[in-house]
N, C-alpha and C. Protein backbone atom coordinates (compact mmCIF):
# COMPACT_ATOMS: atom_id res chain seq x y z
N UNK A 1 162.59 142.64 134.31
CA UNK A 1 162.44 141.27 134.20
C UNK A 1 161.32 140.57 134.59
N UNK A 2 160.20 141.04 135.46
CA UNK A 2 159.28 140.85 135.65
C UNK A 2 158.35 141.12 134.66
N UNK A 3 158.39 142.19 133.96
CA UNK A 3 157.79 142.67 132.80
C UNK A 3 158.00 141.54 131.45
N UNK A 4 159.04 141.17 131.15
CA UNK A 4 159.03 140.41 130.65
C UNK A 4 158.75 138.73 130.74
N UNK A 5 158.67 138.24 132.02
CA UNK A 5 158.23 137.01 132.16
C UNK A 5 156.47 137.47 132.07
N UNK A 6 155.77 138.07 132.42
CA UNK A 6 154.34 138.68 132.33
C UNK A 6 154.09 138.52 130.93
N UNK A 7 155.05 139.17 129.83
CA UNK A 7 154.88 139.10 128.37
C UNK A 7 154.96 138.03 127.87
N UNK A 8 156.35 137.17 128.24
CA UNK A 8 155.96 135.93 127.70
C UNK A 8 155.05 134.95 127.98
N UNK A 9 154.53 134.92 129.72
CA UNK A 9 153.32 134.20 129.96
C UNK A 9 152.27 134.66 129.41
N UNK A 10 151.97 136.10 128.61
CA UNK A 10 150.96 135.97 127.74
C UNK A 10 151.09 135.46 126.66
N UNK A 11 152.08 135.75 126.06
CA UNK A 11 152.40 135.13 124.77
C UNK A 11 151.89 133.51 124.56
N UNK A 12 152.63 132.93 125.73
CA UNK A 12 152.39 131.45 125.96
C UNK A 12 150.74 131.09 126.14
N UNK A 13 150.28 131.91 126.92
CA UNK A 13 148.57 131.81 126.84
C UNK A 13 148.01 132.17 125.70
N UNK A 14 148.24 133.12 124.75
CA UNK A 14 147.31 133.26 123.73
C UNK A 14 147.75 132.14 122.64
N UNK A 15 149.31 131.74 122.47
CA UNK A 15 149.49 130.91 121.60
C UNK A 15 148.75 129.17 122.18
N UNK A 16 148.52 129.19 123.06
CA UNK A 16 147.32 128.20 123.78
C UNK A 16 145.96 127.86 123.63
N UNK A 17 145.67 129.50 123.66
CA UNK A 17 144.25 129.40 123.37
C UNK A 17 144.15 129.45 121.89
N UNK A 18 145.16 129.94 121.37
CA UNK A 18 144.88 129.40 119.40
C UNK A 18 144.99 127.96 119.34
N UNK A 19 146.04 127.01 119.82
CA UNK A 19 145.79 125.67 119.76
C UNK A 19 144.44 125.37 120.18
N UNK A 20 144.34 125.57 121.46
CA UNK A 20 143.11 124.77 121.77
C UNK A 20 141.64 125.75 121.10
N UNK A 21 141.40 126.82 120.61
CA UNK A 21 140.44 127.06 119.97
C UNK A 21 140.42 126.16 118.19
N UNK A 22 141.73 126.14 117.50
CA UNK A 22 141.66 125.56 116.58
C UNK A 22 141.36 123.94 116.45
N UNK A 23 141.76 123.07 117.89
CA UNK A 23 141.33 121.82 117.94
C UNK A 23 139.81 121.59 118.71
N UNK A 24 139.11 122.64 119.00
CA UNK A 24 138.24 122.30 119.66
C UNK A 24 137.25 121.72 118.91
N UNK A 25 137.02 121.65 117.70
CA UNK A 25 136.15 121.13 116.83
C UNK A 25 136.35 119.28 116.80
N UNK A 26 137.73 119.05 116.83
CA UNK A 26 137.75 117.92 116.37
C UNK A 26 137.50 116.89 117.57
N UNK A 27 136.72 115.96 117.01
CA UNK A 27 136.07 115.11 117.61
C UNK A 27 134.42 115.39 118.07
N UNK A 28 134.22 116.70 117.97
CA UNK A 28 132.93 116.91 118.25
C UNK A 28 132.47 117.68 116.86
N UNK A 29 132.70 117.37 115.78
CA UNK A 29 132.11 117.68 114.64
C UNK A 29 130.61 118.03 114.43
N UNK A 30 129.97 118.44 113.81
CA UNK A 30 128.68 118.51 114.44
C UNK A 30 128.02 117.48 112.83
N UNK A 31 126.88 116.85 113.41
CA UNK A 31 126.22 115.99 112.14
C UNK A 31 125.57 117.02 111.14
N UNK A 32 125.83 116.62 109.85
CA UNK A 32 124.85 117.51 109.27
C UNK A 32 123.34 117.01 109.29
N UNK A 33 122.43 117.30 109.24
CA UNK A 33 121.17 116.96 108.76
C UNK A 33 120.80 116.21 107.63
N UNK A 34 120.31 115.26 107.49
CA UNK A 34 120.48 114.33 106.17
C UNK A 34 119.48 114.95 105.51
N UNK A 35 119.84 115.38 104.14
CA UNK A 35 119.13 115.69 103.22
C UNK A 35 118.15 114.69 102.58
N UNK A 36 116.94 115.45 102.27
CA UNK A 36 115.99 114.33 102.04
C UNK A 36 116.58 113.79 100.62
N UNK A 37 115.81 112.23 100.40
CA UNK A 37 116.39 111.71 99.42
C UNK A 37 115.58 112.04 98.05
N UNK A 38 116.06 112.62 97.08
CA UNK A 38 115.72 113.08 95.91
C UNK A 38 116.03 112.03 94.87
N UNK A 39 114.90 112.11 94.17
CA UNK A 39 114.73 111.13 92.72
C UNK A 39 115.87 111.53 91.76
N UNK A 40 117.25 111.93 92.09
CA UNK A 40 118.02 112.03 91.43
C UNK A 40 119.73 111.79 91.77
N UNK A 41 120.56 111.95 90.79
CA UNK A 41 121.80 111.41 91.49
C UNK A 41 121.93 110.81 92.63
N UNK A 42 122.76 110.95 93.52
CA UNK A 42 123.37 109.74 94.75
C UNK A 42 122.10 109.47 95.59
N UNK A 43 120.97 110.00 95.76
CA UNK A 43 120.30 110.08 96.63
C UNK A 43 118.90 109.07 95.58
N UNK A 44 118.78 108.87 94.56
CA UNK A 44 118.15 108.29 93.92
C UNK A 44 117.64 107.05 94.22
N UNK A 45 118.56 105.95 94.46
CA UNK A 45 118.48 104.63 95.15
C UNK A 45 117.88 104.65 96.14
N UNK A 46 117.90 105.47 97.02
CA UNK A 46 117.32 105.73 98.43
C UNK A 46 116.13 106.39 98.04
N UNK A 47 115.78 107.07 97.38
CA UNK A 47 114.43 107.56 97.05
C UNK A 47 113.40 106.23 96.65
N UNK A 48 113.80 105.83 95.61
CA UNK A 48 113.27 105.09 95.23
C UNK A 48 112.82 103.71 96.62
N UNK A 49 113.86 103.38 97.25
CA UNK A 49 113.58 102.46 98.39
C UNK A 49 112.29 103.17 98.91
N UNK A 50 112.56 104.35 99.64
CA UNK A 50 111.52 104.97 99.96
C UNK A 50 110.58 105.27 99.73
N UNK A 51 109.97 105.38 98.36
CA UNK A 51 108.95 105.02 97.65
C UNK A 51 108.18 103.69 98.05
N UNK A 52 109.15 102.67 97.51
CA UNK A 52 108.52 101.57 97.95
C UNK A 52 108.16 101.20 99.63
N UNK A 53 108.74 101.58 100.49
CA UNK A 53 108.40 101.37 101.69
C UNK A 53 106.82 102.36 102.23
N UNK A 54 106.88 103.29 101.41
CA UNK A 54 105.70 104.15 101.00
C UNK A 54 104.55 103.44 101.07
N UNK A 55 104.71 102.95 99.64
CA UNK A 55 103.46 101.87 99.30
C UNK A 55 103.27 100.67 100.12
N UNK A 56 104.11 100.41 100.82
CA UNK A 56 104.07 99.05 101.46
C UNK A 56 103.35 99.51 102.63
N UNK A 57 103.65 100.63 103.49
CA UNK A 57 102.86 100.72 104.63
C UNK A 57 101.50 101.24 104.12
N UNK A 58 100.92 101.91 102.94
CA UNK A 58 99.76 102.25 102.47
C UNK A 58 99.17 101.00 102.24
N UNK A 59 99.67 99.98 101.98
CA UNK A 59 98.87 98.81 101.04
C UNK A 59 99.04 97.35 101.86
N UNK A 60 100.26 97.54 102.55
CA UNK A 60 100.50 96.09 103.06
C UNK A 60 99.31 96.15 104.57
N UNK A 61 98.17 95.45 104.57
CA UNK A 61 97.52 95.54 105.51
C UNK A 61 98.22 94.47 107.02
N UNK A 62 98.65 93.32 106.67
CA UNK A 62 99.15 92.65 107.31
C UNK A 62 100.10 93.08 108.42
N UNK A 63 101.37 93.68 107.84
CA UNK A 63 102.34 94.04 108.59
C UNK A 63 101.97 95.88 108.93
N UNK A 64 101.13 96.30 108.41
CA UNK A 64 100.74 97.99 108.95
C UNK A 64 99.20 98.20 108.92
N UNK A 65 98.74 97.40 110.12
CA UNK A 65 97.08 97.62 109.88
C UNK A 65 96.75 99.23 110.44
N UNK A 66 97.26 99.46 111.18
CA UNK A 66 97.04 100.89 111.85
C UNK A 66 97.14 101.81 110.68
N UNK A 67 95.91 102.75 111.17
CA UNK A 67 95.80 103.95 109.94
C UNK A 67 96.69 105.06 110.67
N UNK A 68 96.80 105.44 111.83
CA UNK A 68 97.88 106.20 112.02
C UNK A 68 99.15 106.20 111.62
N UNK A 69 100.00 104.50 111.23
CA UNK A 69 101.10 104.46 110.55
C UNK A 69 101.01 104.67 109.42
N UNK A 70 100.37 104.34 108.24
CA UNK A 70 99.96 104.44 106.83
C UNK A 70 99.96 106.07 106.79
N UNK A 71 99.27 106.69 107.39
CA UNK A 71 99.28 108.06 107.44
C UNK A 71 100.42 109.12 107.08
N UNK A 72 101.20 108.53 107.63
CA UNK A 72 102.61 109.65 107.80
C UNK A 72 103.06 109.07 106.45
N UNK A 73 102.78 108.25 105.42
CA UNK A 73 103.19 108.22 104.00
C UNK A 73 101.99 108.45 102.93
N UNK A 74 101.43 108.95 103.43
CA UNK A 74 100.43 109.54 102.43
C UNK A 74 100.22 110.92 102.08
N UNK A 75 99.68 111.27 101.03
CA UNK A 75 99.83 112.95 100.90
C UNK A 75 98.77 113.67 101.54
N UNK A 76 98.50 114.68 102.29
CA UNK A 76 97.52 115.45 102.84
C UNK A 76 96.77 114.70 104.20
N UNK A 77 97.81 113.41 104.51
CA UNK A 77 96.92 113.29 106.02
C UNK A 77 98.04 113.08 106.65
N UNK A 78 99.32 113.86 106.38
CA UNK A 78 100.52 114.00 107.60
C UNK A 78 101.25 115.19 107.01
N UNK A 79 102.15 116.02 107.94
CA UNK A 79 102.88 117.01 107.41
C UNK A 79 102.27 118.15 107.27
N UNK A 80 102.94 118.63 105.97
CA UNK A 80 102.72 120.14 105.82
C UNK A 80 101.59 120.47 105.58
N UNK A 81 100.72 119.71 104.78
CA UNK A 81 98.90 119.98 104.56
C UNK A 81 98.60 118.68 105.15
N UNK A 82 97.17 119.07 105.94
CA UNK A 82 96.56 117.87 106.03
C UNK A 82 95.07 118.35 106.01
N UNK A 83 94.54 117.64 105.23
CA UNK A 83 93.22 117.28 104.71
C UNK A 83 92.54 117.07 105.79
N UNK A 84 92.00 117.23 106.85
CA UNK A 84 90.76 116.63 107.94
C UNK A 84 89.66 116.07 107.42
N UNK A 85 89.13 116.09 106.16
CA UNK A 85 87.96 115.34 105.68
C UNK A 85 88.52 114.18 104.85
N UNK A 86 89.68 114.25 104.26
CA UNK A 86 90.38 113.11 103.65
C UNK A 86 90.82 111.96 104.60
N UNK A 87 91.39 112.99 105.74
CA UNK A 87 91.56 111.81 106.54
C UNK A 87 90.67 111.25 107.63
N UNK A 88 89.63 111.79 107.62
CA UNK A 88 88.62 111.09 108.52
C UNK A 88 87.90 109.85 107.26
N UNK A 89 88.08 110.48 105.89
CA UNK A 89 87.31 109.51 105.13
C UNK A 89 88.33 108.08 104.85
N UNK A 90 89.75 108.21 105.02
CA UNK A 90 90.53 107.40 104.99
C UNK A 90 90.38 106.47 106.40
N UNK A 91 90.29 107.12 107.28
CA UNK A 91 90.11 106.13 108.81
C UNK A 91 88.69 105.42 108.57
N UNK A 92 87.67 106.47 108.14
CA UNK A 92 86.30 105.34 108.05
C UNK A 92 86.84 104.16 107.03
N UNK A 93 87.28 104.53 105.79
CA UNK A 93 87.24 103.28 104.84
C UNK A 93 88.47 102.39 105.52
N UNK A 94 89.29 102.55 106.20
CA UNK A 94 90.31 101.53 106.94
C UNK A 94 89.59 100.72 107.74
N UNK A 95 88.75 101.44 108.72
CA UNK A 95 88.13 100.71 109.70
C UNK A 95 87.00 100.01 109.16
N UNK A 96 86.50 100.41 107.96
CA UNK A 96 85.32 99.34 107.43
C UNK A 96 85.72 98.29 106.58
N UNK A 97 87.02 98.39 106.14
CA UNK A 97 87.70 97.39 105.47
C UNK A 97 88.76 96.60 105.81
N UNK A 98 88.94 96.77 107.28
CA UNK A 98 89.79 96.31 108.17
C UNK A 98 90.07 94.43 107.73
N UNK A 99 89.30 93.81 107.69
CA UNK A 99 88.99 92.42 107.28
C UNK A 99 90.26 92.43 106.00
N UNK A 100 89.55 92.97 104.91
CA UNK A 100 89.82 92.77 103.68
C UNK A 100 91.34 93.15 103.71
N UNK A 101 91.70 94.64 104.37
CA UNK A 101 92.72 94.78 104.11
C UNK A 101 94.35 94.08 104.84
N UNK A 102 93.56 93.17 105.97
CA UNK A 102 94.57 92.44 106.43
C UNK A 102 94.77 91.38 105.41
N UNK A 103 94.44 91.28 104.59
CA UNK A 103 94.89 89.93 103.00
C UNK A 103 95.15 90.64 102.21
N UNK A 104 95.62 92.10 102.28
CA UNK A 104 95.89 92.89 101.01
C UNK A 104 97.83 93.28 101.24
N UNK A 105 98.09 93.33 99.98
CA UNK A 105 99.86 93.55 100.27
C UNK A 105 99.78 94.10 98.90
N UNK A 106 101.17 94.38 98.51
CA UNK A 106 101.35 95.28 97.41
C UNK A 106 103.09 95.02 96.61
N UNK A 107 102.84 94.89 95.26
CA UNK A 107 103.90 94.64 94.87
C UNK A 107 104.22 95.69 93.69
N UNK A 108 105.34 96.45 94.21
CA UNK A 108 105.85 97.81 93.25
C UNK A 108 106.71 97.13 92.19
N UNK A 109 106.22 96.96 90.87
CA UNK A 109 106.93 96.68 90.05
C UNK A 109 107.93 97.58 89.10
N UNK A 110 107.79 98.72 89.51
CA UNK A 110 108.61 100.00 88.76
C UNK A 110 108.54 101.25 89.64
N UNK A 111 109.42 102.03 89.66
CA UNK A 111 109.56 103.08 90.20
C UNK A 111 110.33 103.80 89.04
N UNK A 112 109.30 104.82 88.64
CA UNK A 112 110.17 106.21 87.31
C UNK A 112 109.90 107.44 88.12
N UNK A 113 111.54 108.28 87.97
CA UNK A 113 111.39 109.30 88.63
C UNK A 113 110.92 110.35 87.42
N UNK A 114 109.93 111.01 87.78
CA UNK A 114 109.70 112.11 86.79
C UNK A 114 109.94 113.49 87.28
N UNK A 115 110.69 113.44 88.16
CA UNK A 115 111.19 114.82 88.63
C UNK A 115 111.82 114.54 90.00
N UNK A 116 112.69 115.43 90.85
CA UNK A 116 113.57 115.49 91.62
C UNK A 116 112.82 114.74 93.08
N UNK A 117 111.52 115.25 92.92
CA UNK A 117 110.30 115.15 94.29
C UNK A 117 109.00 114.56 93.75
N UNK A 118 109.24 113.70 92.27
CA UNK A 118 107.76 112.85 91.89
C UNK A 118 108.09 111.91 91.23
N UNK A 119 107.16 111.23 91.16
CA UNK A 119 107.47 109.66 90.84
C UNK A 119 106.49 108.79 90.22
N UNK A 120 106.59 107.99 89.26
CA UNK A 120 105.38 107.09 88.66
C UNK A 120 105.28 105.89 89.51
N UNK A 121 104.45 105.24 89.53
CA UNK A 121 104.70 103.97 90.43
C UNK A 121 103.97 103.00 89.90
N UNK A 122 104.46 101.69 89.28
CA UNK A 122 103.53 100.74 88.88
C UNK A 122 103.21 99.79 89.93
N UNK A 123 102.17 99.31 90.44
CA UNK A 123 102.60 98.32 91.20
C UNK A 123 100.78 97.54 91.15
N UNK A 124 101.04 96.36 91.54
CA UNK A 124 99.73 95.21 91.52
C UNK A 124 99.38 95.58 92.95
N UNK A 125 98.28 95.00 93.41
CA UNK A 125 97.55 94.77 94.59
C UNK A 125 97.71 93.22 94.84
N UNK A 126 98.16 92.83 95.95
CA UNK A 126 97.90 91.15 96.00
C UNK A 126 97.28 91.45 97.10
N UNK A 127 96.10 89.92 96.78
CA UNK A 127 94.96 89.83 97.49
C UNK A 127 94.99 88.36 97.96
N UNK A 128 94.79 87.95 99.38
CA UNK A 128 95.22 86.79 99.57
C UNK A 128 96.36 86.06 99.16
N UNK A 129 97.45 86.70 99.03
CA UNK A 129 98.64 86.14 98.51
C UNK A 129 98.68 85.96 96.89
N UNK A 130 97.65 86.35 96.12
CA UNK A 130 98.06 86.36 94.64
C UNK A 130 97.69 87.75 94.58
N UNK A 131 99.04 87.75 92.84
CA UNK A 131 98.75 89.09 92.43
C UNK A 131 97.59 89.72 91.53
N UNK A 132 97.01 90.50 91.60
CA UNK A 132 95.83 90.86 90.90
C UNK A 132 96.28 91.78 90.01
N UNK A 133 97.10 91.43 88.89
CA UNK A 133 97.55 92.16 88.03
C UNK A 133 96.55 93.05 87.12
N UNK A 134 96.96 94.13 87.04
CA UNK A 134 96.07 95.42 86.49
C UNK A 134 95.01 95.86 87.01
N UNK A 135 94.86 95.37 88.53
CA UNK A 135 93.44 96.14 89.35
C UNK A 135 93.84 97.28 89.58
N UNK A 136 95.47 97.32 89.83
CA UNK A 136 95.88 98.84 90.60
C UNK A 136 95.49 100.21 89.88
N UNK A 137 94.95 101.15 90.54
CA UNK A 137 94.96 102.40 89.34
C UNK A 137 96.73 102.79 89.07
N UNK A 138 96.62 103.47 88.26
CA UNK A 138 98.37 104.05 88.07
C UNK A 138 98.65 104.82 89.35
N UNK A 139 99.74 104.63 90.01
CA UNK A 139 100.34 105.31 91.02
C UNK A 139 101.54 106.40 91.01
N UNK A 140 101.45 107.04 91.96
CA UNK A 140 102.34 108.24 92.04
C UNK A 140 103.15 108.31 93.41
N UNK A 141 103.90 108.94 93.29
CA UNK A 141 104.55 109.38 94.87
C UNK A 141 104.97 110.85 94.74
N UNK A 142 105.10 111.58 95.78
CA UNK A 142 105.49 112.91 96.09
C UNK A 142 106.60 112.78 97.03
N UNK A 143 107.47 113.93 97.04
CA UNK A 143 108.82 114.00 98.13
C UNK A 143 107.98 115.00 99.17
N UNK A 144 107.53 115.01 100.16
CA UNK A 144 107.43 116.03 101.15
C UNK A 144 108.16 115.75 102.25
N UNK A 145 108.52 117.30 102.30
CA UNK A 145 110.00 117.18 103.22
C UNK A 145 111.04 116.26 103.23
N UNK A 146 111.16 115.42 104.05
CA UNK A 146 112.23 114.37 103.65
C UNK A 146 111.39 113.21 103.95
N UNK A 147 110.34 113.34 103.47
CA UNK A 147 109.49 111.65 103.50
C UNK A 147 108.77 111.55 102.29
N UNK A 148 108.91 110.53 101.25
CA UNK A 148 108.35 109.94 100.48
C UNK A 148 106.75 109.80 100.41
N UNK A 149 106.04 109.93 99.93
CA UNK A 149 104.42 109.67 100.15
C UNK A 149 103.76 109.21 99.05
N UNK A 150 102.80 108.40 99.20
CA UNK A 150 101.72 107.85 98.17
C UNK A 150 101.11 109.23 97.65
N UNK A 151 100.69 109.54 96.48
CA UNK A 151 99.90 110.93 96.50
C UNK A 151 98.53 110.82 96.87
N UNK A 152 97.81 112.04 96.95
CA UNK A 152 96.39 111.70 97.29
C UNK A 152 95.48 110.88 96.12
N UNK A 153 96.27 111.61 95.40
CA UNK A 153 95.41 110.83 93.96
C UNK A 153 95.15 109.49 93.72
N UNK A 154 96.79 108.93 94.27
CA UNK A 154 96.50 107.42 94.14
C UNK A 154 95.54 106.52 95.12
N UNK A 155 95.63 107.60 96.56
CA UNK A 155 95.00 107.31 97.44
C UNK A 155 93.58 107.19 97.32
N UNK A 156 93.05 108.13 96.46
CA UNK A 156 91.39 108.22 96.18
C UNK A 156 90.92 107.27 95.22
N UNK A 157 91.77 107.05 94.00
CA UNK A 157 92.01 106.20 93.02
C UNK A 157 92.05 104.76 93.57
N UNK A 158 92.75 104.35 94.32
CA UNK A 158 92.80 103.10 95.15
C UNK A 158 91.60 102.49 95.82
N UNK A 159 90.90 103.91 96.63
CA UNK A 159 89.57 103.60 97.62
C UNK A 159 88.50 103.78 96.54
N UNK A 160 88.42 103.98 95.22
CA UNK A 160 87.31 104.23 94.50
C UNK A 160 87.06 102.79 93.72
N UNK A 161 88.31 101.97 93.98
CA UNK A 161 88.18 100.42 93.59
C UNK A 161 87.03 99.68 94.30
N UNK A 162 86.88 100.17 95.46
CA UNK A 162 85.91 99.33 96.18
C UNK A 162 84.73 100.47 96.30
N UNK A 163 84.92 102.01 96.23
CA UNK A 163 83.46 102.98 96.12
C UNK A 163 83.61 104.00 95.33
N UNK A 164 83.10 103.56 94.10
CA UNK A 164 83.50 104.66 93.16
C UNK A 164 82.79 106.22 93.50
N UNK A 165 81.99 106.19 94.41
CA UNK A 165 81.46 107.29 94.02
C UNK A 165 82.35 108.40 95.55
N UNK A 166 83.61 107.58 95.88
CA UNK A 166 84.43 108.64 96.57
C UNK A 166 84.70 109.44 95.83
N UNK A 167 84.65 109.60 94.57
CA UNK A 167 85.77 110.35 93.67
C UNK A 167 84.57 111.55 93.41
N UNK A 168 83.27 111.45 93.64
CA UNK A 168 82.03 112.49 93.26
C UNK A 168 82.35 113.60 93.92
N UNK A 169 82.20 113.71 95.40
CA UNK A 169 82.26 114.82 96.08
C UNK A 169 83.35 114.76 97.12
N UNK A 170 83.59 115.84 97.75
CA UNK A 170 84.42 115.83 98.50
C UNK A 170 86.24 116.01 98.13
N UNK A 171 86.75 115.83 99.18
CA UNK A 171 88.47 116.06 98.83
C UNK A 171 88.55 115.18 97.80
N UNK A 172 88.13 113.94 97.41
CA UNK A 172 88.77 113.27 96.46
C UNK A 172 88.11 114.07 95.07
N UNK A 173 87.32 114.44 95.02
CA UNK A 173 86.72 114.95 93.63
C UNK A 173 87.66 116.30 93.35
N UNK A 174 87.85 116.82 94.44
CA UNK A 174 89.11 118.36 94.30
C UNK A 174 90.60 117.42 93.57
N UNK A 175 91.00 116.53 93.67
CA UNK A 175 92.04 115.98 94.04
C UNK A 175 92.20 115.10 92.45
N UNK A 176 90.89 114.73 91.97
CA UNK A 176 90.98 114.49 90.71
C UNK A 176 91.37 115.32 89.81
N UNK A 177 90.46 116.38 90.22
CA UNK A 177 90.65 117.39 89.27
C UNK A 177 91.87 118.42 89.18
N UNK A 178 92.89 117.93 90.09
CA UNK A 178 94.17 118.51 90.21
C UNK A 178 94.16 119.56 91.27
N UNK A 179 93.24 119.61 92.28
CA UNK A 179 93.53 120.43 93.40
C UNK A 179 93.60 120.01 94.27
N UNK A 180 94.46 120.91 95.09
CA UNK A 180 94.44 120.51 96.70
C UNK A 180 93.05 120.25 97.40
N UNK A 181 92.91 119.76 98.62
CA UNK A 181 91.56 119.47 99.00
C UNK A 181 91.31 121.02 99.71
N UNK A 182 90.12 121.93 99.53
CA UNK A 182 89.94 122.78 100.30
C UNK A 182 89.97 123.08 101.26
N UNK A 183 89.65 121.89 102.02
CA UNK A 183 89.84 121.79 103.64
C UNK A 183 91.38 121.67 104.28
N UNK A 184 92.39 121.70 103.18
CA UNK A 184 93.46 121.49 103.47
C UNK A 184 94.66 122.70 104.59
N UNK A 185 95.14 122.26 105.39
CA UNK A 185 95.59 123.11 106.19
C UNK A 185 97.32 122.85 106.71
N UNK A 186 97.63 123.78 107.13
CA UNK A 186 99.19 123.91 107.44
C UNK A 186 99.08 123.24 108.73
N UNK A 187 99.73 121.98 108.58
CA UNK A 187 100.47 120.94 109.58
C UNK A 187 101.32 121.26 110.72
């Protein structure tokens, strides 16, 4: 009798363990990490929104005056690869042009996905509240990790509007030729 009781009790415990094990995940389901919004399929609209955000941080000097806030959204200034010289040049330019940047904004006219992780961006600069049509250089965006960024080429070409010599040497000269900056390091 005792043996049957122990076997029966063991059976109940084993069945309970199975039930508890199968319901342990209920209510504690793990949340999947959000995927990067690629410029295709279900995430295309979010990608375009994120690209517009990157351009806003890059060129909206009134709402985003700090270089550090902008760098997150610019290729080679943060993330997987960082160019210390390009970053220093950007920060120096931002400091030198802080007053003008405070009255600069951006109008993104169109984003065209050219691949899952690349896009062309048609944009205009807005200076003192007036759209300066056709002044802005061609724009591009690239998905780095989970962040859409303004390409370094767009950064260099934009800075060249105020100082064309920036394209003649240093990281921007390499970027214009289609190369990564030679000083780019893993971040």
